[in-house]
Amino acid sequence: MLTKSGFDIHWRLLPLCLLLILIVSCGSKEQFTGTYKATAGDSPKQAEMVIELKANGAGIWRVSDEEIPFAWYIKGSELRVNTKGGGVIVGAIEKDTIHISLPGAKMMFFKRIQ
C-alpha cells in the first residue's frame, strides 16, 4: 500500500518519464529529417521527385511542380508515410537512402541531398 508521501513521489516522477520518452522519440526522428531526391529511373523524361521530411512530423512530396503534404513517423527502421486518403506507405531506411515501393510501380530510391 502506498503512503501519501510514496504516492506523491510517483506523481512527481511521471512528468520526468514523459519528458524522457519525448526526448528519445524526437531524437530518433530528427536524424531522418531532410530532403531526399529520387534517383533517375529507366525513362530520361521521368519527372523529378523529392521528399522533404520535417522535424515536426510533416512532410512534402514534390513531383515536378505539384506538392503533396503528408505526415510521417519512424517505426523501427521503417519510414511510415500517412497519406491524405488514410493509407500508409512504408519505406525502408538504409543510411542516407529511403526505399519505397509504390502501389502499381517498381521500387523507388530516394537519396538524401540535404
PDB file of N, CA and C in Angstrom:
ATOM      1  N   MET A   1       0.832  -1.182   0.000  1.00  0.00           N
ATOM      2  CA  MET A   1       0.000   0.000   0.000  1.00  0.00           C
ATOM      3  C   MET A   1       0.877   1.245   0.000  1.00  0.00           C
ATOM      4  N   LEU A   2       0.543   2.218  -0.834  1.00  0.00           N
ATOM      5  CA  LEU A   2       1.322   3.444  -0.930  1.00  0.00           C
ATOM      6  C   LEU A   2       0.878   4.445   0.124  1.00  0.00           C
ATOM      7  N   THR A   3       1.849   5.032   0.761  1.00  0.00           N
ATOM      8  CA  THR A   3       1.530   6.108   1.688  1.00  0.00           C
ATOM      9  C   THR A   3       1.366   7.381   0.871  1.00  0.00           C
ATOM     10  N   LYS A   4       0.905   8.402   1.536  1.00  0.00           N
ATOM     11  CA  LYS A   4       0.714   9.664   0.822  1.00  0.00           C
ATOM     12  C   LYS A   4       2.036  10.169   0.248  1.00  0.00           C
ATOM     13  N   SER A   5       3.123  10.074   1.010  1.00  0.00           N
ATOM     14  CA  SER A   5       4.411  10.558   0.517  1.00  0.00           C
ATOM     15  C   SER A   5       4.920   9.688  -0.631  1.00  0.00           C
ATOM     16  N   GLY A   6       4.698   8.370  -0.578  1.00  0.00           N
ATOM     17  CA  GLY A   6       5.090   7.486  -1.677  1.00  0.00           C
ATOM     18  C   GLY A   6       4.290   7.782  -2.929  1.00  0.00           C
ATOM     19  N   PHE A   7       3.010   8.057  -2.768  1.00  0.00           N
ATOM     20  CA  PHE A   7       2.134   8.401  -3.884  1.00  0.00           C
ATOM     21  C   PHE A   7       2.588   9.699  -4.544  1.00  0.00           C
ATOM     22  N   ASP A   8       2.970  10.692  -3.734  1.00  0.00           N
ATOM     23  CA  ASP A   8       3.453  11.979  -4.250  1.00  0.00           C
ATOM     24  C   ASP A   8       4.725  11.805  -5.062  1.00  0.00           C
ATOM     25  N   ILE A   9       5.613  10.936  -4.598  1.00  0.00           N
ATOM     26  CA  ILE A   9       6.867  10.703  -5.315  1.00  0.00           C
ATOM     27  C   ILE A   9       6.585  10.118  -6.698  1.00  0.00           C
ATOM     28  N   HIS A  10       5.653   9.177  -6.777  1.00  0.00           N
ATOM     29  CA  HIS A  10       5.319   8.572  -8.071  1.00  0.00           C
ATOM     30  C   HIS A  10       4.750   9.604  -9.034  1.00  0.00           C
ATOM     31  N   TRP A  11       3.913  10.493  -8.536  1.00  0.00           N
ATOM     32  CA  TRP A  11       3.339  11.517  -9.410  1.00  0.00           C
ATOM     33  C   TRP A  11       4.385  12.532  -9.846  1.00  0.00           C
ATOM     34  N   ARG A  12       5.389  12.740  -9.028  1.00  0.00           N
ATOM     35  CA  ARG A  12       6.456  13.674  -9.409  1.00  0.00           C
ATOM     36  C   ARG A  12       7.364  13.062 -10.475  1.00  0.00           C
ATOM     37  N   LEU A  13       7.479  11.748 -10.478  1.00  0.00           N
ATOM     38  CA  LEU A  13       8.310  11.077 -11.473  1.00  0.00           C
ATOM     39  C   LEU A  13       7.624  10.968 -12.837  1.00  0.00           C
ATOM     40  N   LEU A  14       6.307  11.009 -12.861  1.00  0.00           N
ATOM     41  CA  LEU A  14       5.561  10.874 -14.113  1.00  0.00           C
ATOM     42  C   LEU A  14       5.959  11.919 -15.155  1.00  0.00           C
ATOM     43  N   PRO A  15       6.013  13.218 -14.811  1.00  0.00           N
ATOM     44  CA  PRO A  15       6.430  14.197 -15.837  1.00  0.00           C
ATOM     45  C   PRO A  15       7.845  13.938 -16.350  1.00  0.00           C
ATOM     46  N   LEU A  16       8.740  13.507 -15.455  1.00  0.00           N
ATOM     47  CA  LEU A  16      10.105  13.212 -15.875  1.00  0.00           C
ATOM     48  C   LEU A  16      10.123  12.052 -16.864  1.00  0.00           C
ATOM     49  N   CYS A  17       9.361  11.008 -16.589  1.00  0.00           N
ATOM     50  CA  CYS A  17       9.281   9.855 -17.507  1.00  0.00           C
ATOM     51  C   CYS A  17       8.714  10.268 -18.859  1.00  0.00           C
ATOM     52  N   LEU A  18       7.671  11.067 -18.855  1.00  0.00           N
ATOM     53  CA  LEU A  18       7.080  11.538 -20.112  1.00  0.00           C
ATOM     54  C   LEU A  18       8.069  12.392 -20.901  1.00  0.00           C
ATOM     55  N   LEU A  19       8.827  13.220 -20.214  1.00  0.00           N
ATOM     56  CA  LEU A  19       9.833  14.045 -20.877  1.00  0.00           C
ATOM     57  C   LEU A  19      10.915  13.180 -21.516  1.00  0.00           C
ATOM     58  N   LEU A  20      11.360  12.152 -20.814  1.00  0.00           N
ATOM     59  CA  LEU A  20      12.374  11.250 -21.368  1.00  0.00           C
ATOM     60  C   LEU A  20      11.865  10.528 -22.608  1.00  0.00           C
ATOM     61  N   ILE A  21      10.620  10.091 -22.576  1.00  0.00           N
ATOM     62  CA  ILE A  21      10.029   9.425 -23.742  1.00  0.00           C
ATOM     63  C   ILE A  21       9.986  10.393 -24.922  1.00  0.00           C
ATOM     64  N   LEU A  22       9.604  11.626 -24.685  1.00  0.00           N
ATOM     65  CA  LEU A  22       9.544  12.636 -25.739  1.00  0.00           C
ATOM     66  C   LEU A  22      10.928  12.907 -26.326  1.00  0.00           C
ATOM     67  N   ILE A  23      11.931  13.009 -25.468  1.00  0.00           N
ATOM     68  CA  ILE A  23      13.294  13.266 -25.941  1.00  0.00           C
ATOM     69  C   ILE A  23      13.791  12.120 -26.807  1.00  0.00           C
ATOM     70  N   VAL A  24      13.559  10.891 -26.376  1.00  0.00           N
ATOM     71  CA  VAL A  24      14.016   9.730 -27.138  1.00  0.00           C
ATOM     72  C   VAL A  24      13.297   9.649 -28.469  1.00  0.00           C
ATOM     73  N   SER A  25      11.988   9.869 -28.496  1.00  0.00           N
ATOM     74  CA  SER A  25      11.250   9.768 -29.759  1.00  0.00           C
ATOM     75  C   SER A  25      11.619  10.891 -30.714  1.00  0.00           C
ATOM     76  N   CYS A  26      11.859  12.099 -30.220  1.00  0.00           N
ATOM     77  CA  CYS A  26      12.246  13.204 -31.097  1.00  0.00           C
ATOM     78  C   CYS A  26      13.648  12.996 -31.648  1.00  0.00           C
ATOM     79  N   GLY A  27      14.538  12.479 -30.832  1.00  0.00           N
ATOM     80  CA  GLY A  27      15.902  12.260 -31.273  1.00  0.00           C
ATOM     81  C   GLY A  27      15.961  11.308 -32.442  1.00  0.00           C
ATOM     82  N   SER A  28      15.178  10.250 -32.410  1.00  0.00           N
ATOM     83  CA  SER A  28      15.220   9.272 -33.491  1.00  0.00           C
ATOM     84  C   SER A  28      14.628   9.847 -34.775  1.00  0.00           C
ATOM     85  N   LYS A  29      13.651  10.716 -34.657  1.00  0.00           N
ATOM     86  CA  LYS A  29      13.024  11.316 -35.838  1.00  0.00           C
ATOM     87  C   LYS A  29      13.936  12.358 -36.487  1.00  0.00           C
ATOM     88  N   GLU A  30      14.634  13.121 -35.665  1.00  0.00           N
ATOM     89  CA  GLU A  30      15.465  14.206 -36.188  1.00  0.00           C
ATOM     90  C   GLU A  30      16.588  13.717 -37.092  1.00  0.00           C
ATOM     91  N   GLN A  31      17.087  12.525 -36.856  1.00  0.00           N
ATOM     92  CA  GLN A  31      18.185  12.041 -37.703  1.00  0.00           C
ATOM     93  C   GLN A  31      17.733  11.753 -39.134  1.00  0.00           C
ATOM     94  N   PHE A  32      16.428  11.650 -39.356  1.00  0.00           N
ATOM     95  CA  PHE A  32      15.909  11.369 -40.692  1.00  0.00           C
ATOM     96  C   PHE A  32      15.365  12.606 -41.390  1.00  0.00           C
ATOM     97  N   THR A  33      15.273  13.730 -40.686  1.00  0.00           N
ATOM     98  CA  THR A  33      14.759  14.939 -41.332  1.00  0.00           C
ATOM     99  C   THR A  33      15.711  15.382 -42.436  1.00  0.00           C
ATOM    100  N   GLY A  34      15.137  15.964 -43.456  1.00  0.00           N
ATOM    101  CA  GLY A  34      15.942  16.442 -44.572  1.00  0.00           C
ATOM    102  C   GLY A  34      15.206  16.281 -45.882  1.00  0.00           C
ATOM    103  N   THR A  35      15.937  16.478 -46.966  1.00  0.00           N
ATOM    104  CA  THR A  35      15.383  16.397 -48.307  1.00  0.00           C
ATOM    105  C   THR A  35      16.007  15.223 -49.034  1.00  0.00           C
ATOM    106  N   TYR A  36      15.163  14.424 -49.670  1.00  0.00           N
ATOM    107  CA  TYR A  36      15.588  13.227 -50.394  1.00  0.00           C
ATOM    108  C   TYR A  36      15.102  13.324 -51.831  1.00  0.00           C
ATOM    109  N   LYS A  37      15.981  12.985 -52.773  1.00  0.00           N
ATOM    110  CA  LYS A  37      15.633  13.071 -54.194  1.00  0.00           C
ATOM    111  C   LYS A  37      15.662  11.672 -54.799  1.00  0.00           C
ATOM    112  N   ALA A  38      14.655  11.361 -55.629  1.00  0.00           N
ATOM    113  CA  ALA A  38      14.593  10.063 -56.294  1.00  0.00           C
ATOM    114  C   ALA A  38      15.709   9.954 -57.319  1.00  0.00           C
ATOM    115  N   THR A  39      16.318   8.785 -57.375  1.00  0.00           N
ATOM    116  CA  THR A  39      17.350   8.558 -58.378  1.00  0.00           C
ATOM    117  C   THR A  39      16.683   8.380 -59.728  1.00  0.00           C
ATOM    118  N   ALA A  40      17.413   8.636 -60.791  1.00  0.00           N
ATOM    119  CA  ALA A  40      16.865   8.558 -62.143  1.00  0.00           C
ATOM    120  C   ALA A  40      16.367   7.157 -62.438  1.00  0.00           C
ATOM    121  N   GLY A  41      15.210   7.071 -63.060  1.00  0.00           N
ATOM    122  CA  GLY A  41      14.626   5.784 -63.419  1.00  0.00           C
ATOM    123  C   GLY A  41      15.029   5.369 -64.818  1.00  0.00           C
ATOM    124  N   ASP A  42      14.273   4.439 -65.370  1.00  0.00           N
ATOM    125  CA  ASP A  42      14.559   3.948 -66.714  1.00  0.00           C
ATOM    126  C   ASP A  42      14.308   5.011 -67.780  1.00  0.00           C
ATOM    127  N   SER A  43      13.322   5.858 -67.541  1.00  0.00           N
ATOM    128  CA  SER A  43      12.942   6.852 -68.534  1.00  0.00           C
ATOM    129  C   SER A  43      13.674   8.169 -68.299  1.00  0.00           C
ATOM    130  N   PRO A  44      14.330   8.723 -69.309  1.00  0.00           N
ATOM    131  CA  PRO A  44      15.009  10.005 -69.127  1.00  0.00           C
ATOM    132  C   PRO A  44      14.019  11.152 -68.933  1.00  0.00           C
ATOM    133  N   LYS A  45      12.754  10.955 -69.307  1.00  0.00           N
ATOM    134  CA  LYS A  45      11.746  12.006 -69.173  1.00  0.00           C
ATOM    135  C   LYS A  45      10.982  11.911 -67.848  1.00  0.00           C
ATOM    136  N   GLN A  46      11.442  11.056 -66.925  1.00  0.00           N
ATOM    137  CA  GLN A  46      10.768  10.893 -65.644  1.00  0.00           C
ATOM    138  C   GLN A  46      10.777  12.218 -64.879  1.00  0.00           C
ATOM    139  N   ALA A  47       9.635  12.570 -64.294  1.00  0.00           N
ATOM    140  CA  ALA A  47       9.535  13.804 -63.523  1.00  0.00           C
ATOM    141  C   ALA A  47      10.407  13.713 -62.274  1.00  0.00           C
ATOM    142  N   GLU A  48      10.971  14.846 -61.881  1.00  0.00           N
ATOM    143  CA  GLU A  48      11.789  14.882 -60.676  1.00  0.00           C
ATOM    144  C   GLU A  48      10.898  14.696 -59.453  1.00  0.00           C
ATOM    145  N   MET A  49      11.305  13.798 -58.554  1.00  0.00           N
ATOM    146  CA  MET A  49      10.561  13.543 -57.319  1.00  0.00           C
ATOM    147  C   MET A  49      11.456  13.831 -56.131  1.00  0.00           C
ATOM    148  N   VAL A  50      10.908  14.596 -55.178  1.00  0.00           N
ATOM    149  CA  VAL A  50      11.633  14.959 -53.973  1.00  0.00           C
ATOM    150  C   VAL A  50      10.710  14.755 -52.779  1.00  0.00           C
ATOM    151  N   ILE A  51      11.266  14.202 -51.701  1.00  0.00           N
ATOM    152  CA  ILE A  51      10.542  14.062 -50.436  1.00  0.00           C
ATOM    153  C   ILE A  51      11.263  14.916 -49.408  1.00  0.00           C
ATOM    154  N   GLU A  52      10.501  15.760 -48.704  1.00  0.00           N
ATOM    155  CA  GLU A  52      11.066  16.558 -47.617  1.00  0.00           C
ATOM    156  C   GLU A  52      10.432  16.104 -46.317  1.00  0.00           C
ATOM    157  N   LEU A  53      11.265  15.665 -45.370  1.00  0.00           N
ATOM    158  CA  LEU A  53      10.809  15.235 -44.052  1.00  0.00           C
ATOM    159  C   LEU A  53      11.174  16.309 -43.037  1.00  0.00           C
ATOM    160  N   LYS A  54      10.167  16.881 -42.390  1.00  0.00           N
ATOM    161  CA  LYS A  54      10.392  17.945 -41.411  1.00  0.00           C
ATOM    162  C   LYS A  54      10.393  17.353 -40.000  1.00  0.00           C
ATOM    163  N   ALA A  55      11.059  18.039 -39.075  1.00  0.00           N
ATOM    164  CA  ALA A  55      11.219  17.550 -37.707  1.00  0.00           C
ATOM    165  C   ALA A  55       9.892  17.417 -36.967  1.00  0.00           C
ATOM    166  N   ASN A  56       8.884  18.177 -37.350  1.00  0.00           N
ATOM    167  CA  ASN A  56       7.601  18.133 -36.653  1.00  0.00           C
ATOM    168  C   ASN A  56       6.693  16.989 -37.120  1.00  0.00           C
ATOM    169  N   GLY A  57       7.189  16.130 -38.009  1.00  0.00           N
ATOM    170  CA  GLY A  57       6.390  15.003 -38.491  1.00  0.00           C
ATOM    171  C   GLY A  57       5.606  15.316 -39.755  1.00  0.00           C
ATOM    172  N   ALA A  58       5.711  16.530 -40.253  1.00  0.00           N
ATOM    173  CA  ALA A  58       5.065  16.893 -41.520  1.00  0.00           C
ATOM    174  C   ALA A  58       6.040  16.611 -42.656  1.00  0.00           C
ATOM    175  N   GLY A  59       5.503  16.400 -43.822  1.00  0.00           N
ATOM    176  CA  GLY A  59       6.348  16.164 -44.979  1.00  0.00           C
ATOM    177  C   GLY A  59       5.700  16.684 -46.244  1.00  0.00           C
ATOM    178  N   ILE A  60       6.517  16.828 -47.270  1.00  0.00           N
ATOM    179  CA  ILE A  60       6.023  17.265 -48.580  1.00  0.00           C
ATOM    180  C   ILE A  60       6.636  16.350 -49.632  1.00  0.00           C
ATOM    181  N   TRP A  61       5.766  15.840 -50.518  1.00  0.00           N
ATOM    182  CA  TRP A  61       6.201  15.014 -51.650  1.00  0.00           C
ATOM    183  C   TRP A  61       6.035  15.879 -52.885  1.00  0.00           C
ATOM    184  N   ARG A  62       7.141  16.204 -53.551  1.00  0.00           N
ATOM    185  CA  ARG A  62       7.096  17.065 -54.736  1.00  0.00           C
ATOM    186  C   ARG A  62       7.332  16.227 -55.980  1.00  0.00           C
ATOM    187  N   VAL A  63       6.423  16.385 -56.942  1.00  0.00           N
ATOM    188  CA  VAL A  63       6.565  15.767 -58.258  1.00  0.00           C
ATOM    189  C   VAL A  63       6.406  16.897 -59.259  1.00  0.00           C
ATOM    190  N   SER A  64       7.502  17.221 -59.938  1.00  0.00           N
ATOM    191  CA  SER A  64       7.543  18.383 -60.840  1.00  0.00           C
ATOM    192  C   SER A  64       7.111  19.622 -60.057  1.00  0.00           C
ATOM    193  N   ASP A  65       5.990  20.252 -60.449  1.00  0.00           N
ATOM    194  CA  ASP A  65       5.525  21.468 -59.784  1.00  0.00           C
ATOM    195  C   ASP A  65       4.431  21.205 -58.753  1.00  0.00           C
ATOM    196  N   GLU A  66       4.048  19.956 -58.554  1.00  0.00           N
ATOM    197  CA  GLU A  66       2.967  19.609 -57.632  1.00  0.00           C
ATOM    198  C   GLU A  66       3.536  19.235 -56.267  1.00  0.00           C
ATOM    199  N   GLU A  67       2.887  19.715 -55.184  1.00  0.00           N
ATOM    200  CA  GLU A  67       3.293  19.386 -53.822  1.00  0.00           C
ATOM    201  C   GLU A  67       2.159  18.667 -53.108  1.00  0.00           C
ATOM    202  N   ILE A  68       2.495  17.546 -52.474  1.00  0.00           N
ATOM    203  CA  ILE A  68       1.507  16.752 -51.752  1.00  0.00           C
ATOM    204  C   ILE A  68       1.961  16.654 -50.293  1.00  0.00           C
ATOM    205  N   PRO A  69       1.183  17.250 -49.368  1.00  0.00           N
ATOM    206  CA  PRO A  69       1.562  17.179 -47.951  1.00  0.00           C
ATOM    207  C   PRO A  69       1.217  15.802 -47.362  1.00  0.00           C
ATOM    208  N   PHE A  70       1.983  15.393 -46.358  1.00  0.00           N
ATOM    209  CA  PHE A  70       1.714  14.135 -45.658  1.00  0.00           C
ATOM    210  C   PHE A  70       2.292  14.216 -44.257  1.00  0.00           C
ATOM    211  N   ALA A  71       1.950  13.243 -43.439  1.00  0.00           N
ATOM    212  CA  ALA A  71       2.527  13.097 -42.105  1.00  0.00           C
ATOM    213  C   ALA A  71       3.411  11.859 -42.120  1.00  0.00           C
ATOM    214  N   TRP A  72       4.462  11.855 -41.299  1.00  0.00           N
ATOM    215  CA  TRP A  72       5.370  10.713 -41.285  1.00  0.00           C
ATOM    216  C   TRP A  72       5.854  10.410 -39.873  1.00  0.00           C
ATOM    217  N   TYR A  73       6.283   9.167 -39.688  1.00  0.00           N
ATOM    218  CA  TYR A  73       6.899   8.752 -38.436  1.00  0.00           C
ATOM    219  C   TYR A  73       7.795   7.548 -38.710  1.00  0.00           C
ATOM    220  N   ILE A  74       8.629   7.236 -37.745  1.00  0.00           N
ATOM    221  CA  ILE A  74       9.559   6.119 -37.860  1.00  0.00           C
ATOM    222  C   ILE A  74       9.077   4.998 -36.958  1.00  0.00           C
ATOM    223  N   LYS A  75       9.064   3.792 -37.486  1.00  0.00           N
ATOM    224  CA  LYS A  75       8.735   2.606 -36.695  1.00  0.00           C
ATOM    225  C   LYS A  75       9.830   1.581 -36.971  1.00  0.00           C
ATOM    226  N   GLY A  76      10.699   1.395 -35.998  1.00  0.00           N
ATOM    227  CA  GLY A  76      11.850   0.522 -36.200  1.00  0.00           C
ATOM    228  C   GLY A  76      12.792   1.156 -37.207  1.00  0.00           C
ATOM    229  N   SER A  77      13.058   0.449 -38.295  1.00  0.00           N
ATOM    230  CA  SER A  77      13.907   1.008 -39.365  1.00  0.00           C
ATOM    231  C   SER A  77      13.077   1.372 -40.588  1.00  0.00           C
ATOM    232  N   GLU A  78      11.779   1.576 -40.371  1.00  0.00           N
ATOM    233  CA  GLU A  78      10.877   1.889 -41.483  1.00  0.00           C
ATOM    234  C   GLU A  78      10.340   3.309 -41.382  1.00  0.00           C
ATOM    235  N   LEU A  79      10.226   3.938 -42.528  1.00  0.00           N
ATOM    236  CA  LEU A  79       9.556   5.225 -42.644  1.00  0.00           C
ATOM    237  C   LEU A  79       8.096   4.927 -42.946  1.00  0.00           C
ATOM    238  N   ARG A  80       7.196   5.501 -42.184  1.00  0.00           N
ATOM    239  CA  ARG A  80       5.766   5.340 -42.417  1.00  0.00           C
ATOM    240  C   ARG A  80       5.194   6.683 -42.852  1.00  0.00           C
ATOM    241  N   VAL A  81       4.629   6.726 -44.066  1.00  0.00           N
ATOM    242  CA  VAL A  81       4.028   7.935 -44.626  1.00  0.00           C
ATOM    243  C   VAL A  81       2.522   7.772 -44.588  1.00  0.00           C
ATOM    244  N   ASN A  82       1.843   8.651 -43.845  1.00  0.00           N
ATOM    245  CA  ASN A  82       0.389   8.641 -43.778  1.00  0.00           C
ATOM    246  C   ASN A  82      -0.156   9.534 -44.877  1.00  0.00           C
ATOM    247  N   THR A  83      -0.870   8.921 -45.821  1.00  0.00           N
ATOM    248  CA  THR A  83      -1.408   9.690 -46.944  1.00  0.00           C
ATOM    249  C   THR A  83      -2.701  10.379 -46.550  1.00  0.00           C
ATOM    250  N   LYS A  84      -3.076  11.367 -47.333  1.00  0.00           N
ATOM    251  CA  LYS A  84      -4.309  12.118 -47.080  1.00  0.00           C
ATOM    252  C   LYS A  84      -5.541  11.217 -47.145  1.00  0.00           C
ATOM    253  N   GLY A  85      -5.487  10.193 -47.988  1.00  0.00           N
ATOM    254  CA  GLY A  85      -6.615   9.279 -48.134  1.00  0.00           C
ATOM    255  C   GLY A  85      -6.706   8.238 -47.036  1.00  0.00           C
ATOM    256  N   GLY A  86      -5.780   8.255 -46.081  1.00  0.00           N
ATOM    257  CA  GLY A  86      -5.828   7.328 -44.962  1.00  0.00           C
ATOM    258  C   GLY A  86      -4.927   6.114 -45.113  1.00  0.00           C
ATOM    259  N   GLY A  87      -4.256   5.998 -46.233  1.00  0.00           N
ATOM    260  CA  GLY A  87      -3.354   4.876 -46.435  1.00  0.00           C
ATOM    261  C   GLY A  87      -1.993   5.130 -45.813  1.00  0.00           C
ATOM    262  N   VAL A  88      -1.215   4.067 -45.707  1.00  0.00           N
ATOM    263  CA  VAL A  88       0.145   4.175 -45.185  1.00  0.00           C
ATOM    264  C   VAL A  88       1.102   3.584 -46.205  1.00  0.00           C
ATOM    265  N   ILE A  89       2.105   4.365 -46.586  1.00  0.00           N
ATOM    266  CA  ILE A  89       3.166   3.895 -47.482  1.00  0.00           C
ATOM    267  C   ILE A  89       4.376   3.633 -46.609  1.00  0.00           C
ATOM    268  N   VAL A  90       4.946   2.439 -46.750  1.00  0.00           N
ATOM    269  CA  VAL A  90       6.078   2.039 -45.915  1.00  0.00           C
ATOM    270  C   VAL A  90       7.347   2.063 -46.750  1.00  0.00           C
ATOM    271  N   GLY A  91       8.390   2.663 -46.190  1.00  0.00           N
ATOM    272  CA  GLY A  91       9.686   2.694 -46.842  1.00  0.00           C
ATOM    273  C   GLY A  91      10.755   2.188 -45.896  1.00  0.00           C
ATOM    274  N   ALA A  92      11.749   1.524 -46.437  1.00  0.00           N
ATOM    275  CA  ALA A  92      12.885   1.054 -45.640  1.00  0.00           C
ATOM    276  C   ALA A  92      13.984   2.108 -45.686  1.00  0.00           C
ATOM    277  N   ILE A  93      14.606   2.350 -44.538  1.00  0.00           N
ATOM    278  CA  ILE A  93      15.667   3.347 -44.456  1.00  0.00           C
ATOM    279  C   ILE A  93      17.001   2.633 -44.266  1.00  0.00           C
ATOM    280  N   GLU A  94      17.940   2.957 -45.140  1.00  0.00           N
ATOM    281  CA  GLU A  94      19.296   2.435 -45.036  1.00  0.00           C
ATOM    282  C   GLU A  94      20.261   3.604 -45.200  1.00  0.00           C
ATOM    283  N   LYS A  95      20.905   3.982 -44.112  1.00  0.00           N
ATOM    284  CA  LYS A  95      21.836   5.113 -44.071  1.00  0.00           C
ATOM    285  C   LYS A  95      21.186   6.374 -44.609  1.00  0.00           C
ATOM    286  N   ASP A  96      21.555   6.846 -45.804  1.00  0.00           N
ATOM    287  CA  ASP A  96      21.008   8.094 -46.351  1.00  0.00           C
ATOM    288  C   ASP A  96      20.064   7.851 -47.518  1.00  0.00           C
ATOM    289  N   THR A  97      19.500   6.641 -47.597  1.00  0.00           N
ATOM    290  CA  THR A  97      18.604   6.290 -48.702  1.00  0.00           C
ATOM    291  C   THR A  97      17.301   5.702 -48.166  1.00  0.00           C
ATOM    292  N   ILE A  98      16.196   6.103 -48.783  1.00  0.00           N
ATOM    293  CA  ILE A  98      14.880   5.548 -48.460  1.00  0.00           C
ATOM    294  C   ILE A  98      14.420   4.729 -49.660  1.00  0.00           C
ATOM    295  N   HIS A  99      14.016   3.492 -49.419  1.00  0.00           N
ATOM    296  CA  HIS A  99      13.497   2.597 -50.457  1.00  0.00           C
ATOM    297  C   HIS A  99      11.987   2.515 -50.265  1.00  0.00           C
ATOM    298  N   ILE A 100      11.229   2.925 -51.273  1.00  0.00           N
ATOM    299  CA  ILE A 100       9.765   2.910 -51.189  1.00  0.00           C
ATOM    300  C   ILE A 100       9.203   2.152 -52.381  1.00  0.00           C
ATOM    301  N   SER A 101       8.311   1.228 -52.098  1.00  0.00           N
ATOM    302  CA  SER A 101       7.603   0.504 -53.150  1.00  0.00           C
ATOM    303  C   SER A 101       6.202   1.098 -53.248  1.00  0.00           C
ATOM    304  N   LEU A 102       5.947   1.809 -54.332  1.00  0.00           N
ATOM    305  CA  LEU A 102       4.642   2.437 -54.532  1.00  0.00           C
ATOM    306  C   LEU A 102       3.675   1.440 -55.160  1.00  0.00           C
ATOM    307  N   PRO A 103       2.386   1.541 -54.826  1.00  0.00           N
ATOM    308  CA  PRO A 103       1.403   0.638 -55.430  1.00  0.00           C
ATOM    309  C   PRO A 103       1.422   0.744 -56.959  1.00  0.00           C
ATOM    310  N   GLY A 104       1.503  -0.386 -57.620  1.00  0.00           N
ATOM    311  CA  GLY A 104       1.477  -0.420 -59.077  1.00  0.00           C
ATOM    312  C   GLY A 104       2.756   0.057 -59.740  1.00  0.00           C
ATOM    313  N   ALA A 105       3.805   0.287 -58.981  1.00  0.00           N
ATOM    314  CA  ALA A 105       5.060   0.775 -59.558  1.00  0.00           C
ATOM    315  C   ALA A 105       6.219  -0.036 -58.998  1.00  0.00           C
ATOM    316  N   LYS A 106       7.367   0.167 -59.596  1.00  0.00           N
ATOM    317  CA  LYS A 106       8.547  -0.516 -59.096  1.00  0.00           C
ATOM    318  C   LYS A 106       9.102   0.223 -57.884  1.00  0.00           C
ATOM    319  N   MET A 107      10.168  -0.300 -57.339  1.00  0.00           N
ATOM    320  CA  MET A 107      10.820   0.279 -56.167  1.00  0.00           C
ATOM    321  C   MET A 107      11.424   1.644 -56.502  1.00  0.00           C
ATOM    322  N   MET A 108      11.207   2.607 -55.620  1.00  0.00           N
ATOM    323  CA  MET A 108      11.765   3.950 -55.764  1.00  0.00           C
ATOM    324  C   MET A 108      12.868   4.112 -54.723  1.00  0.00           C
ATOM    325  N   PHE A 109      13.969   4.767 -55.107  1.00  0.00           N
ATOM    326  CA  PHE A 109      15.083   5.028 -54.215  1.00  0.00           C
ATOM    327  C   PHE A 109      15.261   6.532 -54.074  1.00  0.00           C
ATOM    328  N   PHE A 110      15.182   7.020 -52.846  1.00  0.00           N
ATOM    329  CA  PHE A 110      15.357   8.437 -52.568  1.00  0.00           C
ATOM    330  C   PHE A 110      16.628   8.630 -51.771  1.00  0.00           C
ATOM    331  N   LYS A 111      17.559   9.396 -52.325  1.00  0.00           N
ATOM    332  CA  LYS A 111      18.864   9.645 -51.685  1.00  0.00           C
ATOM    333  C   LYS A 111      18.839  11.006 -51.032  1.00  0.00           C
ATOM    334  N   ARG A 112      19.359  11.092 -49.817  1.00  0.00           N
ATOM    335  CA  ARG A 112      19.383  12.344 -49.073  1.00  0.00           C
ATOM    336  C   ARG A 112      20.295  13.349 -49.772  1.00  0.00           C
ATOM    337  N   ILE A 113      19.769  14.569 -49.987  1.00  0.00           N
ATOM    338  CA  ILE A 113      20.561  15.622 -50.621  1.00  0.00           C
ATOM    339  C   ILE A 113      20.785  16.793 -49.667  1.00  0.00           C
ATOM    340  N   GLN A 114      20.047  16.859 -48.565  1.00  0.00           N
ATOM    341  CA  GLN A 114      20.217  17.920 -47.551  1.00  0.00           C
ATOM    342  C   GLN A 114      19.962  17.361 -46.194  1.00  0.00           C
TER     343      GLN A 114
END
